[in-house]
C-alpha atoms as a PDB file:
ATOM      1  CA  MET A   1      80.624 121.355 135.583  1.00  0.00           C
ATOM      2  CA  LEU A   2      81.796 118.616 138.191  1.00  0.00           C
ATOM      3  CA  VAL A   3      84.983 117.046 137.796  1.00  0.00           C
ATOM      4  CA  THR A   4      85.590 113.581 139.640  1.00  0.00           C
ATOM      5  CA  GLY A   5      87.929 110.536 139.613  1.00  0.00           C
ATOM      6  CA  LYS A   6      90.129 108.670 141.752  1.00  0.00           C
ATOM      7  CA  GLY A   7      92.711 110.305 143.979  1.00  0.00           C
ATOM      8  CA  GLY A   8      95.997 111.187 142.192  1.00  0.00           C
ATOM      9  CA  VAL A   9      94.617 111.070 138.652  1.00  0.00           C
ATOM     10  CA  GLY A  10      95.070 114.784 137.865  1.00  0.00           C
ATOM     11  CA  LYS A  11      91.585 115.851 138.815  1.00  0.00           C
ATOM     12  CA  THR A  12      92.518 119.208 140.153  1.00  0.00           C
ATOM     13  CA  THR A  13      94.752 120.052 137.014  1.00  0.00           C
ATOM     14  CA  LEU A  14      92.011 119.007 134.730  1.00  0.00           C
ATOM     15  CA  ALA A  15      89.368 120.988 136.535  1.00  0.00           C
ATOM     16  CA  ALA A  16      91.729 124.178 136.564  1.00  0.00           C
ATOM     17  CA  GLY A  17      92.420 123.630 132.957  1.00  0.00           C
ATOM     18  CA  ILE A  18      88.604 123.585 131.961  1.00  0.00           C
ATOM     19  CA  ALA A  19      88.107 126.701 134.001  1.00  0.00           C
ATOM     20  CA  GLU A  20      91.155 128.459 132.241  1.00  0.00           C
ATOM     21  CA  ALA A  21      89.659 127.510 128.771  1.00  0.00           C
ATOM     22  CA  ALA A  22      86.280 128.744 129.698  1.00  0.00           C
ATOM     23  CA  ALA A  23      87.811 132.018 130.832  1.00  0.00           C
ATOM     24  CA  ALA A  24      89.867 132.449 127.818  1.00  0.00           C
ATOM     25  CA  ARG A  25      86.804 131.746 125.645  1.00  0.00           C
ATOM     26  CA  GLU A  26      84.058 133.354 127.615  1.00  0.00           C
ATOM     27  CA  GLY A  27      85.952 135.877 129.626  1.00  0.00           C
ATOM     28  CA  ARG A  28      85.210 134.549 133.058  1.00  0.00           C
ATOM     29  CA  ALA A  29      85.139 131.168 135.047  1.00  0.00           C
ATOM     30  CA  VAL A  30      85.220 129.982 138.627  1.00  0.00           C
ATOM     31  CA  LEU A  31      87.059 127.045 140.047  1.00  0.00           C
ATOM     32  CA  ILE A  32      85.574 125.756 143.337  1.00  0.00           C
ATOM     33  CA  GLU A  33      87.468 123.166 145.503  1.00  0.00           C
ATOM     34  CA  PHE A  34      87.252 121.624 149.032  1.00  0.00           C
ATOM     35  CA  GLY A  35      89.677 121.880 151.769  1.00  0.00           C
ATOM     36  CA  ASP A  36      92.460 124.476 152.107  1.00  0.00           C
ATOM     37  CA  GLY A  37      92.295 125.559 148.471  1.00  0.00           C
ATOM     38  CA  GLU A  38      96.207 125.153 148.082  1.00  0.00           C
ATOM     39  CA  SER A  39      96.054 122.700 145.093  1.00  0.00           C
ATOM     40  CA  GLY A  40      93.799 124.766 143.008  1.00  0.00           C
ATOM     41  CA  LYS A  41      95.788 127.891 143.888  1.00  0.00           C
ATOM     42  CA  ARG A  42      99.072 126.281 142.840  1.00  0.00           C
ATOM     43  CA  VAL A  43      97.693 124.894 139.565  1.00  0.00           C
ATOM     44  CA  LEU A  44      96.121 128.056 138.438  1.00  0.00           C
ATOM     45  CA  GLY A  45      99.107 130.182 139.176  1.00  0.00           C
ATOM     46  CA  PRO A  46      99.338 133.967 140.248  1.00  0.00           C
ATOM     47  CA  ARG A  47      98.048 135.482 136.880  1.00  0.00           C
ATOM     48  CA  SER A  48      95.120 133.206 136.206  1.00  0.00           C
ATOM     49  CA  LYS A  49      91.869 135.006 135.317  1.00  0.00           C
ATOM     50  CA  VAL A  50      89.812 132.268 136.836  1.00  0.00           C
ATOM     51  CA  ALA A  51      87.904 133.122 140.108  1.00  0.00           C
ATOM     52  CA  HIS A  52      89.014 130.679 142.822  1.00  0.00           C
ATOM     53  CA  ARG A  53      86.598 129.875 145.697  1.00  0.00           C
ATOM     54  CA  VAL A  54      87.261 127.259 148.464  1.00  0.00           C
ATOM     55  CA  VAL A  55      84.617 125.437 150.383  1.00  0.00           C
ATOM     56  CA  ASP A  56      85.853 125.160 153.936  1.00  0.00           C
ATOM     57  CA  PRO A  57      84.128 122.200 155.718  1.00  0.00           C
ATOM     58  CA  ARG A  58      84.465 124.172 159.113  1.00  0.00           C
ATOM     59  CA  ASP A  59      82.444 127.214 157.693  1.00  0.00           C
ATOM     60  CA  ALA A  60      80.056 125.594 155.242  1.00  0.00           C
ATOM     61  CA  MET A  61      77.504 124.499 157.914  1.00  0.00           C
ATOM     62  CA  GLU A  62      77.324 127.910 159.207  1.00  0.00           C
ATOM     63  CA  ARG A  63      76.860 129.525 155.751  1.00  0.00           C
ATOM     64  CA  ALA A  64      74.265 126.930 154.706  1.00  0.00           C
ATOM     65  CA  VAL A  65      72.147 127.373 157.939  1.00  0.00           C
ATOM     66  CA  ALA A  66      72.468 131.196 157.560  1.00  0.00           C
ATOM     67  CA  ASN A  67      70.962 130.805 154.184  1.00  0.00           C
ATOM     68  CA  ILE A  68      68.019 128.950 155.522  1.00  0.00           C
ATOM     69  CA  LEU A  69      67.531 131.073 158.564  1.00  0.00           C
ATOM     70  CA  GLY A  70      68.258 134.400 156.859  1.00  0.00           C
ATOM     71  CA  SER A  71      70.884 135.425 159.582  1.00  0.00           C
ATOM     72  CA  THR A  72      74.435 134.525 160.363  1.00  0.00           C
ATOM     73  CA  ILE A  73      73.885 135.439 163.969  1.00  0.00           C
ATOM     74  CA  LEU A  74      70.889 132.878 164.327  1.00  0.00           C
ATOM     75  CA  ALA A  75      73.021 130.292 162.327  1.00  0.00           C
ATOM     76  CA  ARG A  76      75.686 130.680 164.936  1.00  0.00           C
ATOM     77  CA  LEU A  77      73.394 130.419 167.756  1.00  0.00           C
ATOM     78  CA  PHE A  78      71.672 127.181 166.320  1.00  0.00           C
ATOM     79  CA  ILE A  79      74.906 125.435 165.471  1.00  0.00           C
ATOM     80  CA  GLY A  80      76.435 126.317 168.908  1.00  0.00           C
ATOM     81  CA  ASN A  81      73.374 124.933 170.851  1.00  0.00           C
ATOM     82  CA  PHE A  82      74.658 122.294 173.144  1.00  0.00           C
ATOM     83  CA  ALA A  83      71.975 119.817 171.801  1.00  0.00           C
ATOM     84  CA  VAL A  84      72.643 120.593 168.320  1.00  0.00           C
ATOM     85  CA  ARG A  85      76.558 120.176 168.252  1.00  0.00           C
ATOM     86  CA  PRO A  86      76.644 116.497 169.033  1.00  0.00           C
ATOM     87  CA  MET A  87      73.894 115.794 166.340  1.00  0.00           C
ATOM     88  CA  LEU A  88      75.941 117.443 163.676  1.00  0.00           C
ATOM     89  CA  ARG A  89      79.111 115.911 164.638  1.00  0.00           C
ATOM     90  CA  ALA A  90      77.505 112.582 164.360  1.00  0.00           C
ATOM     91  CA  ALA A  91      75.861 113.252 160.960  1.00  0.00           C
ATOM     92  CA  PRO A  92      78.451 113.795 158.405  1.00  0.00           C
ATOM     93  CA  ALA A  93      75.734 113.855 155.630  1.00  0.00           C
ATOM     94  CA  MET A  94      74.491 117.114 157.200  1.00  0.00           C
ATOM     95  CA  ARG A  95      77.880 118.609 156.788  1.00  0.00           C
ATOM     96  CA  GLU A  96      78.289 117.409 153.228  1.00  0.00           C
ATOM     97  CA  LEU A  97      74.929 118.646 152.393  1.00  0.00           C
ATOM     98  CA  ALA A  98      75.902 121.984 153.624  1.00  0.00           C
ATOM     99  CA  MET A  99      78.936 121.854 151.642  1.00  0.00           C
ATOM    100  CA  LEU A 100      77.022 121.198 148.481  1.00  0.00           C
ATOM    101  CA  GLU A 101      74.718 124.246 149.384  1.00  0.00           C
ATOM    102  CA  VAL A 102      77.820 126.455 149.429  1.00  0.00           C
ATOM    103  CA  VAL A 103      78.924 125.194 146.052  1.00  0.00           C
ATOM    104  CA  ARG A 104      75.417 126.248 144.866  1.00  0.00           C
ATOM    105  CA  ILE A 105      75.718 129.615 146.649  1.00  0.00           C
ATOM    106  CA  TYR A 106      79.068 130.173 144.949  1.00  0.00           C
ATOM    107  CA  ALA A 107      77.709 129.202 141.648  1.00  0.00           C
ATOM    108  CA  GLU A 108      74.701 131.693 141.873  1.00  0.00           C
ATOM    109  CA  GLU A 109      77.122 134.456 142.910  1.00  0.00           C
ATOM    110  CA  HIS A 110      78.690 134.240 139.526  1.00  0.00           C
ATOM    111  CA  PRO A 111      75.795 134.146 136.975  1.00  0.00           C
ATOM    112  CA  GLY A 112      76.907 133.676 133.518  1.00  0.00           C
ATOM    113  CA  ALA A 113      80.218 132.143 134.377  1.00  0.00           C
ATOM    114  CA  ARG A 114      81.408 128.694 133.704  1.00  0.00           C
ATOM    115  CA  VAL A 115      81.704 127.160 137.235  1.00  0.00           C
ATOM    116  CA  VAL A 116      83.870 124.092 137.583  1.00  0.00           C
ATOM    117  CA  VAL A 117      83.809 122.142 140.816  1.00  0.00           C
ATOM    118  CA  ASP A 118      86.892 119.897 141.708  1.00  0.00           C
ATOM    119  CA  MET A 119      84.931 117.013 143.542  1.00  0.00           C
ATOM    120  CA  PRO A 120      86.223 114.723 146.054  1.00  0.00           C
ATOM    121  CA  ALA A 121      87.733 111.278 144.945  1.00  0.00           C
ATOM    122  CA  THR A 122      85.625 108.754 143.226  1.00  0.00           C
ATOM    123  CA  GLY A 123      83.714 106.992 146.189  1.00  0.00           C
ATOM    124  CA  HIS A 124      83.223 110.152 148.067  1.00  0.00           C
ATOM    125  CA  GLY A 125      82.236 112.255 145.147  1.00  0.00           C
ATOM    126  CA  LEU A 126      79.589 109.750 144.056  1.00  0.00           C
ATOM    127  CA  ALA A 127      78.161 109.526 147.578  1.00  0.00           C
ATOM    128  CA  TRP A 128      77.988 113.384 147.462  1.00  0.00           C
ATOM    129  CA  LEU A 129      75.974 113.422 144.258  1.00  0.00           C
ATOM    130  CA  ARG A 130      73.495 110.810 145.745  1.00  0.00           C
ATOM    131  CA  LEU A 131      72.903 112.805 148.900  1.00  0.00           C
ATOM    132  CA  PRO A 132      70.512 115.485 147.829  1.00  0.00           C
ATOM    133  CA  VAL A 133      67.890 112.776 146.512  1.00  0.00           C
ATOM    134  CA  GLN A 134      68.540 110.696 149.660  1.00  0.00           C
ATOM    135  CA  MET A 135      67.935 113.661 152.079  1.00  0.00           C
ATOM    136  CA  ARG A 136      64.905 114.929 150.315  1.00  0.00           C
ATOM    137  CA  ASP A 137      63.261 111.507 150.545  1.00  0.00           C
ATOM    138  CA  MET A 138      64.361 110.899 154.108  1.00  0.00           C
ATOM    139  CA  PHE A 139      62.761 114.291 155.033  1.00  0.00           C
ATOM    140  CA  ALA A 140      59.143 114.878 153.814  1.00  0.00           C
ATOM    141  CA  SER A 141      59.076 118.476 154.569  1.00  0.00           C
ATOM    142  CA  GLY A 142      60.839 121.041 156.416  1.00  0.00           C
ATOM    143  CA  PRO A 143      64.075 123.230 155.778  1.00  0.00           C
ATOM    144  CA  ILE A 144      66.373 120.060 155.167  1.00  0.00           C
ATOM    145  CA  HIS A 145      63.845 118.698 152.517  1.00  0.00           C
ATOM    146  CA  ASP A 146      63.712 122.158 150.761  1.00  0.00           C
ATOM    147  CA  LEU A 147      67.483 122.473 150.951  1.00  0.00           C
ATOM    148  CA  ALA A 148      67.879 119.063 149.340  1.00  0.00           C
ATOM    149  CA  GLN A 149      65.340 119.711 146.595  1.00  0.00           C
ATOM    150  CA  ARG A 150      67.002 123.033 145.906  1.00  0.00           C
ATOM    151  CA  LEU A 151      70.316 121.292 145.199  1.00  0.00           C
ATOM    152  CA  ILE A 152      68.548 118.692 142.896  1.00  0.00           C
ATOM    153  CA  ASP A 153      66.921 121.502 140.942  1.00  0.00           C
ATOM    154  CA  ARG A 154      69.806 123.865 140.688  1.00  0.00           C
ATOM    155  CA  LEU A 155      73.010 121.954 141.320  1.00  0.00           C
ATOM    156  CA  VAL A 156      72.709 118.358 140.287  1.00  0.00           C
ATOM    157  CA  SER A 157      70.098 118.504 137.758  1.00  0.00           C
ATOM    158  CA  PRO A 158      71.205 117.129 134.215  1.00  0.00           C
ATOM    159  CA  SER A 159      69.951 120.411 132.794  1.00  0.00           C
ATOM    160  CA  ARG A 160      72.290 122.477 135.099  1.00  0.00           C
ATOM    161  CA  CYS A 161      75.325 120.524 135.215  1.00  0.00           C
ATOM    162  CA  SER A 162      77.645 117.963 133.607  1.00  0.00           C
ATOM    163  CA  VAL A 163      80.182 115.502 134.830  1.00  0.00           C
ATOM    164  CA  VAL A 164      83.862 115.175 133.734  1.00  0.00           C
ATOM    165  CA  VAL A 165      85.618 111.858 134.808  1.00  0.00           C
ATOM    166  CA  VAL A 166      89.477 111.635 135.014  1.00  0.00           C
ATOM    167  CA  THR A 167      91.270 108.535 135.092  1.00  0.00           C
ATOM    168  CA  LEU A 168      94.753 106.941 134.360  1.00  0.00           C
ATOM    169  CA  PRO A 169      95.445 104.209 131.880  1.00  0.00           C
ATOM    170  CA  GLU A 170      96.324 101.470 134.454  1.00  0.00           C
ATOM    171  CA  ARG A 171      93.967  98.604 134.134  1.00  0.00           C
ATOM    172  CA  LEU A 172      92.604  98.430 137.838  1.00  0.00           C
ATOM    173  CA  VAL A 173      92.188 102.362 137.803  1.00  0.00           C
ATOM    174  CA  LEU A 174      90.389 102.257 134.474  1.00  0.00           C
ATOM    175  CA  SER A 175      88.098  99.366 135.255  1.00  0.00           C
ATOM    176  CA  GLU A 176      86.837 101.216 138.498  1.00  0.00           C
ATOM    177  CA  THR A 177      86.382 104.323 136.472  1.00  0.00           C
ATOM    178  CA  ILE A 178      84.365 102.643 133.964  1.00  0.00           C
ATOM    179  CA  GLU A 179      82.130 101.274 136.801  1.00  0.00           C
ATOM    180  CA  LEU A 180      81.885 104.948 138.153  1.00  0.00           C
ATOM    181  CA  CYS A 181      80.628 106.215 134.840  1.00  0.00           C
ATOM    182  CA  ARG A 182      77.899 103.584 135.066  1.00  0.00           C
ATOM    183  CA  ALA A 183      77.100 104.421 138.700  1.00  0.00           C
ATOM    184  CA  LEU A 184      76.798 108.085 137.739  1.00  0.00           C
ATOM    185  CA  GLU A 185      74.344 107.372 135.086  1.00  0.00           C
ATOM    186  CA  VAL A 186      72.294 104.666 136.667  1.00  0.00           C
ATOM    187  CA  GLU A 187      72.330 106.010 140.388  1.00  0.00           C
ATOM    188  CA  VAL A 188      72.580 109.755 139.961  1.00  0.00           C
ATOM    189  CA  GLY A 189      71.196 110.493 136.495  1.00  0.00           C
ATOM    190  CA  LEU A 190      74.371 112.182 135.394  1.00  0.00           C
ATOM    191  CA  PRO A 191      76.157 110.222 132.592  1.00  0.00           C
ATOM    192  CA  PRO A 192      79.638 111.679 132.009  1.00  0.00           C
ATOM    193  CA  ALA A 193      79.958 114.272 129.415  1.00  0.00           C
ATOM    194  CA  ARG A 194      83.611 113.580 129.133  1.00  0.00           C
ATOM    195  CA  LEU A 195      86.024 110.731 130.193  1.00  0.00           C
ATOM    196  CA  VAL A 196      89.687 112.035 130.199  1.00  0.00           C
ATOM    197  CA  VAL A 197      92.356 109.460 130.251  1.00  0.00           C
ATOM    198  CA  ASN A 198      95.503 111.420 131.852  1.00  0.00           C
ATOM    199  CA  ARG A 199      99.101 110.523 131.459  1.00  0.00           C
ATOM    200  CA  PHE A 200      98.576 107.985 128.591  1.00  0.00           C
ATOM    201  CA  PRO A 201     101.836 106.619 127.388  1.00  0.00           C
ATOM    202  CA  ARG A 202     103.311 108.209 124.293  1.00  0.00           C
ATOM    203  CA  ASP A 203     103.784 106.186 121.099  1.00  0.00           C
ATOM    204  CA  LEU A 204     107.526 105.285 120.804  1.00  0.00           C
ATOM    205  CA  PRO A 205     109.149 104.864 117.407  1.00  0.00           C
ATOM    206  CA  ALA A 206     109.864 101.583 116.096  1.00  0.00           C
ATOM    207  CA  GLU A 207     113.614 102.521 116.134  1.00  0.00           C
ATOM    208  CA  ALA A 208     113.595 102.182 119.907  1.00  0.00           C
ATOM    209  CA  TRP A 209     112.903  98.473 119.658  1.00  0.00           C
ATOM    210  CA  ASP A 210     115.385  98.076 116.627  1.00  0.00           C
ATOM    211  CA  SER A 211     118.130  99.918 118.660  1.00  0.00           C
ATOM    212  CA  ALA A 212     117.533  97.925 121.855  1.00  0.00           C
ATOM    213  CA  ARG A 213     117.540  94.532 119.827  1.00  0.00           C
ATOM    214  CA  ALA A 214     120.642  95.513 118.092  1.00  0.00           C
ATOM    215  CA  ILE A 215     122.580  96.316 121.418  1.00  0.00           C
ATOM    216  CA  ALA A 216     121.429  93.246 122.920  1.00  0.00           C
ATOM    217  CA  ALA A 217     122.329  91.072 120.103  1.00  0.00           C
ATOM    218  CA  ARG A 218     125.965  92.400 120.087  1.00  0.00           C
ATOM    219  CA  GLY A 219     126.435  91.105 123.571  1.00  0.00           C
ATOM    220  CA  GLY A 220     128.980  92.594 125.995  1.00  0.00           C
ATOM    221  CA  GLU A 221     128.303  94.645 128.936  1.00  0.00           C
ATOM    222  CA  SER A 222     125.430  96.651 127.486  1.00  0.00           C
ATOM    223  CA  ALA A 223     123.475  93.546 126.484  1.00  0.00           C
ATOM    224  CA  PRO A 224     121.747  93.054 129.964  1.00  0.00           C
ATOM    225  CA  ALA A 225     120.625  96.783 130.079  1.00  0.00           C
ATOM    226  CA  ALA A 226     119.393  96.502 126.612  1.00  0.00           C
ATOM    227  CA  GLN A 227     117.330  93.245 127.387  1.00  0.00           C
ATOM    228  CA  GLN A 228     115.895  95.206 130.348  1.00  0.00           C
ATOM    229  CA  LEU A 229     114.941  98.115 128.111  1.00  0.00           C
ATOM    230  CA  LEU A 230     113.245  95.692 125.630  1.00  0.00           C
ATOM    231  CA  ARG A 231     111.138  94.280 128.405  1.00  0.00           C
ATOM    232  CA  MET A 232     110.284  97.888 129.673  1.00  0.00           C
ATOM    233  CA  LEU A 233     109.338  98.647 125.981  1.00  0.00           C
ATOM    234  CA  ASP A 234     107.114  95.618 125.595  1.00  0.00           C
ATOM    235  CA  ALA A 235     105.366  96.269 128.930  1.00  0.00           C
ATOM    236  CA  ARG A 236     104.638  99.896 127.891  1.00  0.00           C
ATOM    237  CA  ARG A 237     103.221  98.795 124.380  1.00  0.00           C
ATOM    238  CA  GLU A 238     101.155  96.050 126.265  1.00  0.00           C
ATOM    239  CA  ALA A 239      99.941  98.726 128.706  1.00  0.00           C
ATOM    240  CA  GLN A 240      98.772 100.943 125.874  1.00  0.00           C
ATOM    241  CA  ARG A 241      96.993  98.123 124.100  1.00  0.00           C
ATOM    242  CA  GLU A 242      95.311  96.960 127.216  1.00  0.00           C
ATOM    243  CA  ALA A 243      94.024 100.440 128.007  1.00  0.00           C
ATOM    244  CA  LEU A 244      92.614 100.982 124.587  1.00  0.00           C
ATOM    245  CA  GLU A 245      90.964  97.648 124.613  1.00  0.00           C
ATOM    246  CA  ILE A 246      89.157  98.449 127.852  1.00  0.00           C
ATOM    247  CA  LEU A 247      88.280 101.962 126.530  1.00  0.00           C
ATOM    248  CA  GLY A 248      87.144 100.294 123.165  1.00  0.00           C
ATOM    249  CA  SER A 249      84.913  97.881 125.121  1.00  0.00           C
ATOM    250  CA  ALA A 250      83.531 100.505 127.454  1.00  0.00           C
ATOM    251  CA  VAL A 251      82.518 102.807 124.539  1.00  0.00           C
ATOM    252  CA  LYS A 252      80.510  99.966 122.842  1.00  0.00           C
ATOM    253  CA  THR A 253      78.610  98.924 126.015  1.00  0.00           C
ATOM    254  CA  SER A 254      78.173 101.922 128.360  1.00  0.00           C
ATOM    255  CA  LEU A 255      79.927 105.080 127.596  1.00  0.00           C
ATOM    256  CA  HIS A 256      78.204 107.874 125.700  1.00  0.00           C
ATOM    257  CA  THR A 257      81.201 109.967 124.847  1.00  0.00           C
ATOM    258  CA  ARG A 258      84.519 109.445 123.207  1.00  0.00           C
ATOM    259  CA  PRO A 259      87.344 109.321 125.728  1.00  0.00           C
ATOM    260  CA  LEU A 260      89.810 112.112 125.495  1.00  0.00           C
ATOM    261  CA  ILE A 261      93.640 110.939 125.604  1.00  0.00           C
ATOM    262  CA  LEU A 262      95.820 113.336 127.433  1.00  0.00           C
ATOM    263  CA  ARG A 263      99.396 112.035 126.743  1.00  0.00           C
ATOM    264  CA  GLU A 264     101.968 111.813 129.355  1.00  0.00           C
ATOM    265  CA  GLN A 265     104.563 114.621 129.658  1.00  0.00           C
ATOM    266  CA  MET A 266     108.009 115.182 131.017  1.00  0.00           C
ATOM    267  CA  GLU A 267     106.526 117.540 133.604  1.00  0.00           C
ATOM    268  CA  ASP A 268     103.109 117.965 135.014  1.00  0.00           C
ATOM    269  CA  PRO A 269     101.090 120.191 132.787  1.00  0.00           C
ATOM    270  CA  SER A 270      99.857 123.572 133.955  1.00  0.00           C
ATOM    271  CA  ALA A 271      96.185 124.460 133.772  1.00  0.00           C
ATOM    272  CA  THR A 272      97.068 126.601 130.834  1.00  0.00           C
ATOM    273  CA  ASP A 273      98.578 123.608 129.062  1.00  0.00           C
ATOM    274  CA  VAL A 274      95.638 121.589 129.641  1.00  0.00           C
ATOM    275  CA  ALA A 275      93.462 124.460 128.540  1.00  0.00           C
ATOM    276  CA  ALA A 276      95.324 124.599 125.185  1.00  0.00           C
ATOM    277  CA  TRP A 277      94.973 120.781 125.024  1.00  0.00           C
ATOM    278  CA  LEU A 278      91.216 120.886 125.539  1.00  0.00           C
ATOM    279  CA  THR A 279      90.844 123.556 122.856  1.00  0.00           C
ATOM    280  CA  SER A 280      92.837 121.736 120.246  1.00  0.00           C
ATOM    281  CA  GLU A 281      90.628 118.532 120.983  1.00  0.00           C
ATOM    282  CA  GLY A 282      87.582 120.773 120.598  1.00  0.00           C
ATOM    283  CA  ALA A 283      86.451 119.754 124.152  1.00  0.00           C
ATOM    284  CA  ALA A 284      86.928 123.133 125.854  1.00  0.00           C
END
């Protein structure tokens, strides 16, 4: 399962929550992320039963080449060759293909486990998912062609993986996310299995407006603050309405799944909190 979305929308927390839910239900799960791995480690916590694997960009090329050549020593010699090093530095697509290959390797090292991948942010993640087909078509034969085809067959095939997209309820972010969902279906052939709207404003009781209006009507020193509160409450309600309108339109025209609404909380939820919410929604 691939989890993607814009940066800062809660992607890592959602990915970890999906993995926690799978571990609770099936006994094992794997969370794969890129970079230094600190985000996933922090969200999972020290008692998590989820296996945590990190794809380090510096090591991915060596491991991918070793898998092709059948030898880590030969891979190091190849990558360290004075003629090869500049080519690899100038070809980020090769590094990204190698990182996807390491994701595939990790997945195959855990047969039968739910594998959840915390993908890069929106644009980068979409480019990565396009990459195997692009590289396969660019190289008619040879090891790179074979590597790309293997990724298509075993990693980004609709029969092997699904995509979860995470967004926030703000108009701009939500609109961009709907476009991402369309691009995933049209350009990659992976329509999102889930769209999660994170930090959606909670419904407030009507009494909140009534109390603010009463204080404002009384005048005095508290009236300006009450009027400001009324404006904030109105803006919050309008943001809710606008987000639901965008989602409703998207479901009618392009989305193939019911959006899941994760309400805002006083504190950021843990992976366990998200797992419990997914289970309650029947989406784990």
